[in-house]
Amino acid sequence: MATAVLALAFALGGCAAHRSASSIAFRKHFAATFLRTCTTGAKGHLGAAVVKRFCGCSEARIERRYSDAQIVAIAAGTEPKSVNAGIASIQRACAHVAFTAATPAP
């Protein structure tokens, strides 16, 4: 997997502003992998609807916030502490969104 991620990083060429076909394909792959891993990991602890909202929210915000190169690092588990802190912030916000939507209004 690490070899594939490194090969993909070179293929992307480090240009986040340019959305080539390989960049779009990479982001689709990242989204699918992230959602599969996220939902599998959280499914036993929370309801399916909450997990789906949380994971979808997290994935969408990560894609909007980070460049292709940063997403390659996230996928490889080599992201810097600043990115890791940003992801934790995204996850806190998405947990709030997911649980708020799941909690019935009084």
PDB file of N, CA and C in Angstrom:
ATOM      1  N   MET A   1       0.828  -1.195   0.000  1.00  0.00           N
ATOM      2  CA  MET A   1       0.000   0.000   0.000  1.00  0.00           C
ATOM      3  C   MET A   1       0.867   1.252   0.000  1.00  0.00           C
ATOM      4  N   ALA A   2       1.924   1.269   0.831  1.00  0.00           N
ATOM      5  CA  ALA A   2       2.790   2.445   0.899  1.00  0.00           C
ATOM      6  C   ALA A   2       3.437   2.721  -0.451  1.00  0.00           C
ATOM      7  N   THR A   3       3.827   1.661  -1.168  1.00  0.00           N
ATOM      8  CA  THR A   3       4.435   1.827  -2.488  1.00  0.00           C
ATOM      9  C   THR A   3       3.440   2.460  -3.450  1.00  0.00           C
ATOM     10  N   ALA A   4       2.188   2.007  -3.392  1.00  0.00           N
ATOM     11  CA  ALA A   4       1.163   2.574  -4.264  1.00  0.00           C
ATOM     12  C   ALA A   4       0.921   4.044  -3.955  1.00  0.00           C
ATOM     13  N   VAL A   5       0.934   4.387  -2.669  1.00  0.00           N
ATOM     14  CA  VAL A   5       0.718   5.779  -2.270  1.00  0.00           C
ATOM     15  C   VAL A   5       1.872   6.648  -2.761  1.00  0.00           C
ATOM     16  N   LEU A   6       3.112   6.146  -2.632  1.00  0.00           N
ATOM     17  CA  LEU A   6       4.268   6.914  -3.113  1.00  0.00           C
ATOM     18  C   LEU A   6       4.220   7.075  -4.631  1.00  0.00           C
ATOM     19  N   ALA A   7       3.865   6.012  -5.336  1.00  0.00           N
ATOM     20  CA  ALA A   7       3.750   6.108  -6.788  1.00  0.00           C
ATOM     21  C   ALA A   7       2.692   7.123  -7.174  1.00  0.00           C
ATOM     22  N   LEU A   8       1.590   7.136  -6.437  1.00  0.00           N
ATOM     23  CA  LEU A   8       0.528   8.090  -6.706  1.00  0.00           C
ATOM     24  C   LEU A   8       0.989   9.513  -6.426  1.00  0.00           C
ATOM     25  N   ALA A   9       1.779   9.705  -5.377  1.00  0.00           N
ATOM     26  CA  ALA A   9       2.289  11.037  -5.054  1.00  0.00           C
ATOM     27  C   ALA A   9       3.141  11.573  -6.206  1.00  0.00           C
ATOM     28  N   PHE A  10       3.984  10.706  -6.777  1.00  0.00           N
ATOM     29  CA  PHE A  10       4.794  11.140  -7.915  1.00  0.00           C
ATOM     30  C   PHE A  10       3.929  11.403  -9.143  1.00  0.00           C
ATOM     31  N   ALA A  11       2.910  10.601  -9.336  1.00  0.00           N
ATOM     32  CA  ALA A  11       2.013  10.786 -10.481  1.00  0.00           C
ATOM     33  C   ALA A  11       1.266  12.104 -10.393  1.00  0.00           C
ATOM     34  N   LEU A  12       0.906  12.488  -9.167  1.00  0.00           N
ATOM     35  CA  LEU A  12       0.176  13.749  -8.993  1.00  0.00           C
ATOM     36  C   LEU A  12       1.065  14.949  -9.256  1.00  0.00           C
ATOM     37  N   GLY A  13       2.356  14.801  -9.077  1.00  0.00           N
ATOM     38  CA  GLY A  13       3.281  15.873  -9.386  1.00  0.00           C
ATOM     39  C   GLY A  13       3.271  17.007  -8.383  1.00  0.00           C
ATOM     40  N   GLY A  14       2.575  16.867  -7.269  1.00  0.00           N
ATOM     41  CA  GLY A  14       2.591  17.878  -6.228  1.00  0.00           C
ATOM     42  C   GLY A  14       1.836  19.150  -6.567  1.00  0.00           C
ATOM     43  N   CYS A  15       1.069  19.162  -7.617  1.00  0.00           N
ATOM     44  CA  CYS A  15       0.360  20.374  -8.016  1.00  0.00           C
ATOM     45  C   CYS A  15      -1.093  20.272  -7.599  1.00  0.00           C
ATOM     46  N   ALA A  16      -1.433  20.812  -6.440  1.00  0.00           N
ATOM     47  CA  ALA A  16      -2.792  20.707  -5.915  1.00  0.00           C
ATOM     48  C   ALA A  16      -3.781  21.558  -6.702  1.00  0.00           C
ATOM     49  N   ALA A  17      -3.306  22.633  -7.318  1.00  0.00           N
ATOM     50  CA  ALA A  17      -4.220  23.529  -8.030  1.00  0.00           C
ATOM     51  C   ALA A  17      -4.724  22.893  -9.326  1.00  0.00           C
ATOM     52  N   HIS A  18      -3.974  21.990  -9.885  1.00  0.00           N
ATOM     53  CA  HIS A  18      -4.349  21.352 -11.147  1.00  0.00           C
ATOM     54  C   HIS A  18      -5.090  20.058 -10.854  1.00  0.00           C
ATOM     55  N   ARG A  19      -6.327  19.959 -11.286  1.00  0.00           N
ATOM     56  CA  ARG A  19      -7.148  18.768 -11.045  1.00  0.00           C
ATOM     57  C   ARG A  19      -7.112  17.878 -12.277  1.00  0.00           C
ATOM     58  N   SER A  20      -6.053  17.099 -12.383  1.00  0.00           N
ATOM     59  CA  SER A  20      -5.926  16.181 -13.513  1.00  0.00           C
ATOM     60  C   SER A  20      -6.798  14.958 -13.282  1.00  0.00           C
ATOM     61  N   ALA A  21      -6.890  14.116 -14.285  1.00  0.00           N
ATOM     62  CA  ALA A  21      -7.677  12.890 -14.163  1.00  0.00           C
ATOM     63  C   ALA A  21      -7.124  12.011 -13.052  1.00  0.00           C
ATOM     64  N   SER A  22      -5.788  11.959 -12.895  1.00  0.00           N
ATOM     65  CA  SER A  22      -5.202  11.135 -11.836  1.00  0.00           C
ATOM     66  C   SER A  22      -5.525  11.711 -10.463  1.00  0.00           C
ATOM     67  N   SER A  23      -5.587  13.022 -10.362  1.00  0.00           N
ATOM     68  CA  SER A  23      -5.933  13.670  -9.101  1.00  0.00           C
ATOM     69  C   SER A  23      -7.376  13.372  -8.715  1.00  0.00           C
ATOM     70  N   ILE A  24      -8.267  13.465  -9.666  1.00  0.00           N
ATOM     71  CA  ILE A  24      -9.683  13.182  -9.414  1.00  0.00           C
ATOM     72  C   ILE A  24      -9.863  11.720  -9.032  1.00  0.00           C
ATOM     73  N   ALA A  25      -9.182  10.829  -9.746  1.00  0.00           N
ATOM     74  CA  ALA A  25      -9.262   9.402  -9.436  1.00  0.00           C
ATOM     75  C   ALA A  25      -8.706   9.133  -8.040  1.00  0.00           C
ATOM     76  N   PHE A  26      -7.601   9.779  -7.701  1.00  0.00           N
ATOM     77  CA  PHE A  26      -7.013   9.607  -6.374  1.00  0.00           C
ATOM     78  C   PHE A  26      -7.981  10.053  -5.289  1.00  0.00           C
ATOM     79  N   ARG A  27      -8.601  11.210  -5.468  1.00  0.00           N
ATOM     80  CA  ARG A  27      -9.528  11.719  -4.456  1.00  0.00           C
ATOM     81  C   ARG A  27     -10.751  10.809  -4.318  1.00  0.00           C
ATOM     82  N   LYS A  28     -11.229  10.251  -5.414  1.00  0.00           N
ATOM     83  CA  LYS A  28     -12.345   9.303  -5.336  1.00  0.00           C
ATOM     84  C   LYS A  28     -11.926   8.053  -4.577  1.00  0.00           C
ATOM     85  N   HIS A  29     -10.714   7.573  -4.842  1.00  0.00           N
ATOM     86  CA  HIS A  29     -10.199   6.400  -4.136  1.00  0.00           C
ATOM     87  C   HIS A  29     -10.036   6.707  -2.648  1.00  0.00           C
ATOM     88  N   PHE A  30      -9.477   7.880  -2.345  1.00  0.00           N
ATOM     89  CA  PHE A  30      -9.308   8.276  -0.947  1.00  0.00           C
ATOM     90  C   PHE A  30     -10.659   8.328  -0.247  1.00  0.00           C
ATOM     91  N   ALA A  31     -11.644   8.939  -0.881  1.00  0.00           N
ATOM     92  CA  ALA A  31     -12.976   9.063  -0.285  1.00  0.00           C
ATOM     93  C   ALA A  31     -13.565   7.690  -0.005  1.00  0.00           C
ATOM     94  N   ALA A  32     -13.500   6.796  -0.971  1.00  0.00           N
ATOM     95  CA  ALA A  32     -14.071   5.450  -0.788  1.00  0.00           C
ATOM     96  C   ALA A  32     -13.358   4.694   0.321  1.00  0.00           C
ATOM     97  N   THR A  33     -12.032   4.770   0.333  1.00  0.00           N
ATOM     98  CA  THR A  33     -11.258   4.072   1.363  1.00  0.00           C
ATOM     99  C   THR A  33     -11.519   4.675   2.730  1.00  0.00           C
ATOM    100  N   PHE A  34     -11.534   5.991   2.818  1.00  0.00           N
ATOM    101  CA  PHE A  34     -11.777   6.669   4.089  1.00  0.00           C
ATOM    102  C   PHE A  34     -13.151   6.293   4.637  1.00  0.00           C
ATOM    103  N   LEU A  35     -14.163   6.363   3.788  1.00  0.00           N
ATOM    104  CA  LEU A  35     -15.522   6.055   4.237  1.00  0.00           C
ATOM    105  C   LEU A  35     -15.649   4.596   4.665  1.00  0.00           C
ATOM    106  N   ARG A  36     -15.039   3.672   3.915  1.00  0.00           N
ATOM    107  CA  ARG A  36     -15.102   2.255   4.272  1.00  0.00           C
ATOM    108  C   ARG A  36     -14.410   2.010   5.614  1.00  0.00           C
ATOM    109  N   THR A  37     -13.227   2.556   5.794  1.00  0.00           N
ATOM    110  CA  THR A  37     -12.475   2.374   7.033  1.00  0.00           C
ATOM    111  C   THR A  37     -13.174   3.038   8.205  1.00  0.00           C
ATOM    112  N   CYS A  38     -13.665   4.234   7.995  1.00  0.00           N
ATOM    113  CA  CYS A  38     -14.338   4.988   9.052  1.00  0.00           C
ATOM    114  C   CYS A  38     -15.606   4.277   9.505  1.00  0.00           C
ATOM    115  N   THR A  39     -16.428   3.887   8.576  1.00  0.00           N
ATOM    116  CA  THR A  39     -17.703   3.262   8.949  1.00  0.00           C
ATOM    117  C   THR A  39     -17.488   1.891   9.580  1.00  0.00           C
ATOM    118  N   THR A  40     -16.507   1.147   9.107  1.00  0.00           N
ATOM    119  CA  THR A  40     -16.219  -0.168   9.692  1.00  0.00           C
ATOM    120  C   THR A  40     -15.722  -0.009  11.123  1.00  0.00           C
ATOM    121  N   GLY A  41     -14.864   0.966  11.356  1.00  0.00           N
ATOM    122  CA  GLY A  41     -14.310   1.178  12.689  1.00  0.00           C
ATOM    123  C   GLY A  41     -15.316   1.685  13.697  1.00  0.00           C
ATOM    124  N   ALA A  42     -16.288   2.456  13.272  1.00  0.00           N
ATOM    125  CA  ALA A  42     -17.235   3.084  14.201  1.00  0.00           C
ATOM    126  C   ALA A  42     -18.558   2.345  14.316  1.00  0.00           C
ATOM    127  N   LYS A  43     -18.837   1.439  13.396  1.00  0.00           N
ATOM    128  CA  LYS A  43     -20.150   0.804  13.321  1.00  0.00           C
ATOM    129  C   LYS A  43     -20.572   0.106  14.610  1.00  0.00           C
ATOM    130  N   GLY A  44     -19.658  -0.537  15.299  1.00  0.00           N
ATOM    131  CA  GLY A  44     -20.013  -1.274  16.505  1.00  0.00           C
ATOM    132  C   GLY A  44     -20.387  -0.387  17.677  1.00  0.00           C
ATOM    133  N   HIS A  45     -19.987   0.866  17.650  1.00  0.00           N
ATOM    134  CA  HIS A  45     -20.184   1.757  18.784  1.00  0.00           C
ATOM    135  C   HIS A  45     -21.365   2.707  18.635  1.00  0.00           C
ATOM    136  N   LEU A  46     -21.757   2.982  17.410  1.00  0.00           N
ATOM    137  CA  LEU A  46     -22.788   3.989  17.153  1.00  0.00           C
ATOM    138  C   LEU A  46     -23.809   3.449  16.162  1.00  0.00           C
ATOM    139  N   GLY A  47     -24.920   4.116  16.052  1.00  0.00           N
ATOM    140  CA  GLY A  47     -25.915   3.731  15.059  1.00  0.00           C
ATOM    141  C   GLY A  47     -25.424   4.014  13.652  1.00  0.00           C
ATOM    142  N   ALA A  48     -25.941   3.284  12.686  1.00  0.00           N
ATOM    143  CA  ALA A  48     -25.506   3.405  11.293  1.00  0.00           C
ATOM    144  C   ALA A  48     -25.706   4.816  10.738  1.00  0.00           C
ATOM    145  N   ALA A  49     -26.799   5.465  11.082  1.00  0.00           N
ATOM    146  CA  ALA A  49     -27.067   6.815  10.556  1.00  0.00           C
ATOM    147  C   ALA A  49     -26.054   7.823  11.092  1.00  0.00           C
ATOM    148  N   VAL A  50     -25.729   7.714  12.370  1.00  0.00           N
ATOM    149  CA  VAL A  50     -24.752   8.630  12.980  1.00  0.00           C
ATOM    150  C   VAL A  50     -23.382   8.404  12.350  1.00  0.00           C
ATOM    151  N   VAL A  51     -22.999   7.158  12.183  1.00  0.00           N
ATOM    152  CA  VAL A  51     -21.702   6.824  11.588  1.00  0.00           C
ATOM    153  C   VAL A  51     -21.619   7.364  10.164  1.00  0.00           C
ATOM    154  N   LYS A  52     -22.670   7.178   9.390  1.00  0.00           N
ATOM    155  CA  LYS A  52     -22.676   7.645   8.003  1.00  0.00           C
ATOM    156  C   LYS A  52     -22.527   9.168   7.944  1.00  0.00           C
ATOM    157  N   ARG A  53     -23.256   9.891   8.803  1.00  0.00           N
ATOM    158  CA  ARG A  53     -23.141  11.367   8.824  1.00  0.00           C
ATOM    159  C   ARG A  53     -21.751  11.795   9.264  1.00  0.00           C
ATOM    160  N   PHE A  54     -21.222  11.179  10.324  1.00  0.00           N
ATOM    161  CA  PHE A  54     -19.909  11.537  10.841  1.00  0.00           C
ATOM    162  C   PHE A  54     -18.827  11.294   9.800  1.00  0.00           C
ATOM    163  N   CYS A  55     -18.806  10.110   9.228  1.00  0.00           N
ATOM    164  CA  CYS A  55     -17.764   9.756   8.267  1.00  0.00           C
ATOM    165  C   CYS A  55     -17.867  10.581   6.987  1.00  0.00           C
ATOM    166  N   GLY A  56     -19.072  10.784   6.496  1.00  0.00           N
ATOM    167  CA  GLY A  56     -19.260  11.596   5.296  1.00  0.00           C
ATOM    168  C   GLY A  56     -18.840  13.038   5.508  1.00  0.00           C
ATOM    169  N   CYS A  57     -19.206  13.573   6.646  1.00  0.00           N
ATOM    170  CA  CYS A  57     -18.821  14.951   6.994  1.00  0.00           C
ATOM    171  C   CYS A  57     -17.304  15.070   7.090  1.00  0.00           C
ATOM    172  N   SER A  58     -16.667  14.132   7.781  1.00  0.00           N
ATOM    173  CA  SER A  58     -15.206  14.163   7.970  1.00  0.00           C
ATOM    174  C   SER A  58     -14.488  14.078   6.635  1.00  0.00           C
ATOM    175  N   GLU A  59     -14.895  13.138   5.803  1.00  0.00           N
ATOM    176  CA  GLU A  59     -14.234  12.950   4.516  1.00  0.00           C
ATOM    177  C   GLU A  59     -14.376  14.197   3.643  1.00  0.00           C
ATOM    178  N   ALA A  60     -15.565  14.761   3.580  1.00  0.00           N
ATOM    179  CA  ALA A  60     -15.796  15.945   2.741  1.00  0.00           C
ATOM    180  C   ALA A  60     -14.957  17.135   3.214  1.00  0.00           C
ATOM    181  N   ARG A  61     -14.895  17.334   4.510  1.00  0.00           N
ATOM    182  CA  ARG A  61     -14.121  18.471   5.035  1.00  0.00           C
ATOM    183  C   ARG A  61     -12.623  18.275   4.845  1.00  0.00           C
ATOM    184  N   ILE A  62     -12.151  17.043   4.990  1.00  0.00           N
ATOM    185  CA  ILE A  62     -10.727  16.769   4.751  1.00  0.00           C
ATOM    186  C   ILE A  62     -10.386  17.073   3.303  1.00  0.00           C
ATOM    187  N   GLU A  63     -11.226  16.629   2.377  1.00  0.00           N
ATOM    188  CA  GLU A  63     -10.966  16.888   0.950  1.00  0.00           C
ATOM    189  C   GLU A  63     -10.986  18.368   0.616  1.00  0.00           C
ATOM    190  N   ARG A  64     -11.895  19.117   1.221  1.00  0.00           N
ATOM    191  CA  ARG A  64     -11.962  20.561   0.952  1.00  0.00           C
ATOM    192  C   ARG A  64     -10.753  21.290   1.528  1.00  0.00           C
ATOM    193  N   ARG A  65     -10.284  20.855   2.666  1.00  0.00           N
ATOM    194  CA  ARG A  65      -9.254  21.601   3.391  1.00  0.00           C
ATOM    195  C   ARG A  65      -7.828  21.313   2.928  1.00  0.00           C
ATOM    196  N   TYR A  66      -7.564  20.079   2.495  1.00  0.00           N
ATOM    197  CA  TYR A  66      -6.181  19.684   2.239  1.00  0.00           C
ATOM    198  C   TYR A  66      -5.892  19.454   0.766  1.00  0.00           C
ATOM    199  N   SER A  67      -4.640  19.720   0.404  1.00  0.00           N
ATOM    200  CA  SER A  67      -4.176  19.524  -0.975  1.00  0.00           C
ATOM    201  C   SER A  67      -4.000  18.031  -1.251  1.00  0.00           C
ATOM    202  N   ASP A  68      -3.782  17.704  -2.519  1.00  0.00           N
ATOM    203  CA  ASP A  68      -3.539  16.309  -2.883  1.00  0.00           C
ATOM    204  C   ASP A  68      -2.326  15.756  -2.135  1.00  0.00           C
ATOM    205  N   ALA A  69      -1.258  16.529  -2.064  1.00  0.00           N
ATOM    206  CA  ALA A  69      -0.040  16.069  -1.378  1.00  0.00           C
ATOM    207  C   ALA A  69      -0.321  15.792   0.101  1.00  0.00           C
ATOM    208  N   GLN A  70      -1.100  16.654   0.737  1.00  0.00           N
ATOM    209  CA  GLN A  70      -1.439  16.440   2.147  1.00  0.00           C
ATOM    210  C   GLN A  70      -2.322  15.208   2.312  1.00  0.00           C
ATOM    211  N   ILE A  71      -3.230  14.980   1.377  1.00  0.00           N
ATOM    212  CA  ILE A  71      -4.103  13.800   1.449  1.00  0.00           C
ATOM    213  C   ILE A  71      -3.289  12.532   1.238  1.00  0.00           C
ATOM    214  N   VAL A  72      -2.278  12.576   0.373  1.00  0.00           N
ATOM    215  CA  VAL A  72      -1.383  11.424   0.210  1.00  0.00           C
ATOM    216  C   VAL A  72      -0.713  11.126   1.549  1.00  0.00           C
ATOM    217  N   ALA A  73      -0.255  12.165   2.242  1.00  0.00           N
ATOM    218  CA  ALA A  73       0.390  11.974   3.549  1.00  0.00           C
ATOM    219  C   ALA A  73      -0.603  11.422   4.571  1.00  0.00           C
ATOM    220  N   ILE A  74      -1.839  11.911   4.549  1.00  0.00           N
ATOM    221  CA  ILE A  74      -2.876  11.412   5.457  1.00  0.00           C
ATOM    222  C   ILE A  74      -3.129   9.930   5.189  1.00  0.00           C
ATOM    223  N   ALA A  75      -3.271   9.573   3.927  1.00  0.00           N
ATOM    224  CA  ALA A  75      -3.532   8.184   3.555  1.00  0.00           C
ATOM    225  C   ALA A  75      -2.377   7.269   3.959  1.00  0.00           C
ATOM    226  N   ALA A  76      -1.164   7.792   3.919  1.00  0.00           N
ATOM    227  CA  ALA A  76       0.013   7.001   4.278  1.00  0.00           C
ATOM    228  C   ALA A  76       0.281   7.025   5.783  1.00  0.00           C
ATOM    229  N   GLY A  77      -0.414   7.895   6.503  1.00  0.00           N
ATOM    230  CA  GLY A  77      -0.185   8.014   7.941  1.00  0.00           C
ATOM    231  C   GLY A  77       1.070   8.799   8.273  1.00  0.00           C
ATOM    232  N   THR A  78       1.513   9.648   7.347  1.00  0.00           N
ATOM    233  CA  THR A  78       2.745  10.418   7.552  1.00  0.00           C
ATOM    234  C   THR A  78       2.479  11.924   7.614  1.00  0.00           C
ATOM    235  N   GLU A  79       1.238  12.299   7.880  1.00  0.00           N
ATOM    236  CA  GLU A  79       0.907  13.717   7.918  1.00  0.00           C
ATOM    237  C   GLU A  79       1.604  14.394   9.101  1.00  0.00           C
ATOM    238  N   PRO A  80       1.982  15.679   8.936  1.00  0.00           N
ATOM    239  CA  PRO A  80       2.603  16.405  10.040  1.00  0.00           C
ATOM    240  C   PRO A  80       1.600  16.648  11.175  1.00  0.00           C
ATOM    241  N   LYS A  81       2.127  16.991  12.334  1.00  0.00           N
ATOM    242  CA  LYS A  81       1.273  17.210  13.507  1.00  0.00           C
ATOM    243  C   LYS A  81       0.233  18.293  13.253  1.00  0.00           C
ATOM    244  N   SER A  82       0.575  19.307  12.483  1.00  0.00           N
ATOM    245  CA  SER A  82      -0.385  20.379  12.205  1.00  0.00           C
ATOM    246  C   SER A  82      -1.592  19.859  11.429  1.00  0.00           C
ATOM    247  N   VAL A  83      -1.364  18.968  10.483  1.00  0.00           N
ATOM    248  CA  VAL A  83      -2.466  18.367   9.723  1.00  0.00           C
ATOM    249  C   VAL A  83      -3.260  17.443  10.631  1.00  0.00           C
ATOM    250  N   ASN A  84      -2.563  16.668  11.458  1.00  0.00           N
ATOM    251  CA  ASN A  84      -3.221  15.772  12.394  1.00  0.00           C
ATOM    252  C   ASN A  84      -4.128  16.558  13.341  1.00  0.00           C
ATOM    253  N   ALA A  85      -3.674  17.717  13.802  1.00  0.00           N
ATOM    254  CA  ALA A  85      -4.495  18.562  14.670  1.00  0.00           C
ATOM    255  C   ALA A  85      -5.711  19.093  13.905  1.00  0.00           C
ATOM    256  N   GLY A  86      -5.527  19.419  12.643  1.00  0.00           N
ATOM    257  CA  GLY A  86      -6.644  19.880  11.817  1.00  0.00           C
ATOM    258  C   GLY A  86      -7.684  18.792  11.614  1.00  0.00           C
ATOM    259  N   ILE A  87      -7.231  17.562  11.426  1.00  0.00           N
ATOM    260  CA  ILE A  87      -8.149  16.437  11.261  1.00  0.00           C
ATOM    261  C   ILE A  87      -8.926  16.206  12.553  1.00  0.00           C
ATOM    262  N   ALA A  88      -8.250  16.312  13.688  1.00  0.00           N
ATOM    263  CA  ALA A  88      -8.938  16.156  14.983  1.00  0.00           C
ATOM    264  C   ALA A  88     -10.015  17.227  15.138  1.00  0.00           C
ATOM    265  N   SER A  89      -9.730  18.441  14.703  1.00  0.00           N
ATOM    266  CA  SER A  89     -10.705  19.529  14.754  1.00  0.00           C
ATOM    267  C   SER A  89     -11.907  19.231  13.849  1.00  0.00           C
ATOM    268  N   ILE A  90     -11.623  18.718  12.663  1.00  0.00           N
ATOM    269  CA  ILE A  90     -12.691  18.342  11.727  1.00  0.00           C
ATOM    270  C   ILE A  90     -13.556  17.255  12.351  1.00  0.00           C
ATOM    271  N   GLN A  91     -12.931  16.258  12.946  1.00  0.00           N
ATOM    272  CA  GLN A  91     -13.679  15.152  13.534  1.00  0.00           C
ATOM    273  C   GLN A  91     -14.547  15.615  14.703  1.00  0.00           C
ATOM    274  N   ARG A  92     -14.053  16.544  15.501  1.00  0.00           N
ATOM    275  CA  ARG A  92     -14.878  17.087  16.602  1.00  0.00           C
ATOM    276  C   ARG A  92     -16.101  17.802  16.044  1.00  0.00           C
ATOM    277  N   ALA A  93     -15.889  18.619  15.016  1.00  0.00           N
ATOM    278  CA  ALA A  93     -17.009  19.354  14.409  1.00  0.00           C
ATOM    279  C   ALA A  93     -18.013  18.385  13.782  1.00  0.00           C
ATOM    280  N   CYS A  94     -17.520  17.369  13.112  1.00  0.00           N
ATOM    281  CA  CYS A  94     -18.413  16.404  12.454  1.00  0.00           C
ATOM    282  C   CYS A  94     -19.134  15.532  13.473  1.00  0.00           C
ATOM    283  N   ALA A  95     -18.502  15.221  14.585  1.00  0.00           N
ATOM    284  CA  ALA A  95     -19.183  14.464  15.642  1.00  0.00           C
ATOM    285  C   ALA A  95     -20.350  15.279  16.172  1.00  0.00           C
ATOM    286  N   HIS A  96     -20.124  16.567  16.339  1.00  0.00           N
ATOM    287  CA  HIS A  96     -21.197  17.448  16.812  1.00  0.00           C
ATOM    288  C   HIS A  96     -22.354  17.460  15.813  1.00  0.00           C
ATOM    289  N   VAL A  97     -22.022  17.595  14.537  1.00  0.00           N
ATOM    290  CA  VAL A  97     -23.041  17.607  13.478  1.00  0.00           C
ATOM    291  C   VAL A  97     -23.812  16.285  13.470  1.00  0.00           C
ATOM    292  N   ALA A  98     -23.100  15.173  13.529  1.00  0.00           N
ATOM    293  CA  ALA A  98     -23.740  13.851  13.454  1.00  0.00           C
ATOM    294  C   ALA A  98     -24.642  13.589  14.648  1.00  0.00           C
ATOM    295  N   PHE A  99     -24.167  13.909  15.846  1.00  0.00           N
ATOM    296  CA  PHE A  99     -24.968  13.642  17.037  1.00  0.00           C
ATOM    297  C   PHE A  99     -26.131  14.608  17.182  1.00  0.00           C
ATOM    298  N   THR A 100     -25.932  15.850  16.760  1.00  0.00           N
ATOM    299  CA  THR A 100     -27.003  16.830  16.822  1.00  0.00           C
ATOM    300  C   THR A 100     -28.137  16.408  15.888  1.00  0.00           C
ATOM    301  N   ALA A 101     -27.800  15.949  14.712  1.00  0.00           N
ATOM    302  CA  ALA A 101     -28.818  15.515  13.757  1.00  0.00           C
ATOM    303  C   ALA A 101     -29.551  14.256  14.247  1.00  0.00           C
ATOM    304  N   ALA A 102     -28.859  13.443  15.047  1.00  0.00           N
ATOM    305  CA  ALA A 102     -29.448  12.193  15.533  1.00  0.00           C
ATOM    306  C   ALA A 102     -30.277  12.379  16.801  1.00  0.00           C
ATOM    307  N   THR A 103     -30.102  13.528  17.470  1.00  0.00           N
ATOM    308  CA  THR A 103     -30.817  13.785  18.711  1.00  0.00           C
ATOM    309  C   THR A 103     -32.142  14.471  18.418  1.00  0.00           C
ATOM    310  N   PRO A 104     -33.258  13.868  18.818  1.00  0.00           N
ATOM    311  CA  PRO A 104     -34.544  14.502  18.548  1.00  0.00           C
ATOM    312  C   PRO A 104     -34.711  15.802  19.348  1.00  0.00           C
ATOM    313  N   ALA A 105     -35.358  16.759  18.734  1.00  0.00           N
ATOM    314  CA  ALA A 105     -35.601  18.037  19.398  1.00  0.00           C
ATOM    315  C   ALA A 105     -36.675  17.840  20.467  1.00  0.00           C
ATOM    316  N   PRO A 106     -36.547  18.540  21.590  1.00  0.00           N
ATOM    317  CA  PRO A 106     -37.555  18.368  22.668  1.00  0.00           C
ATOM    318  C   PRO A 106     -38.912  18.934  22.301  1.00  0.00           C
TER     319      PRO A 106
END
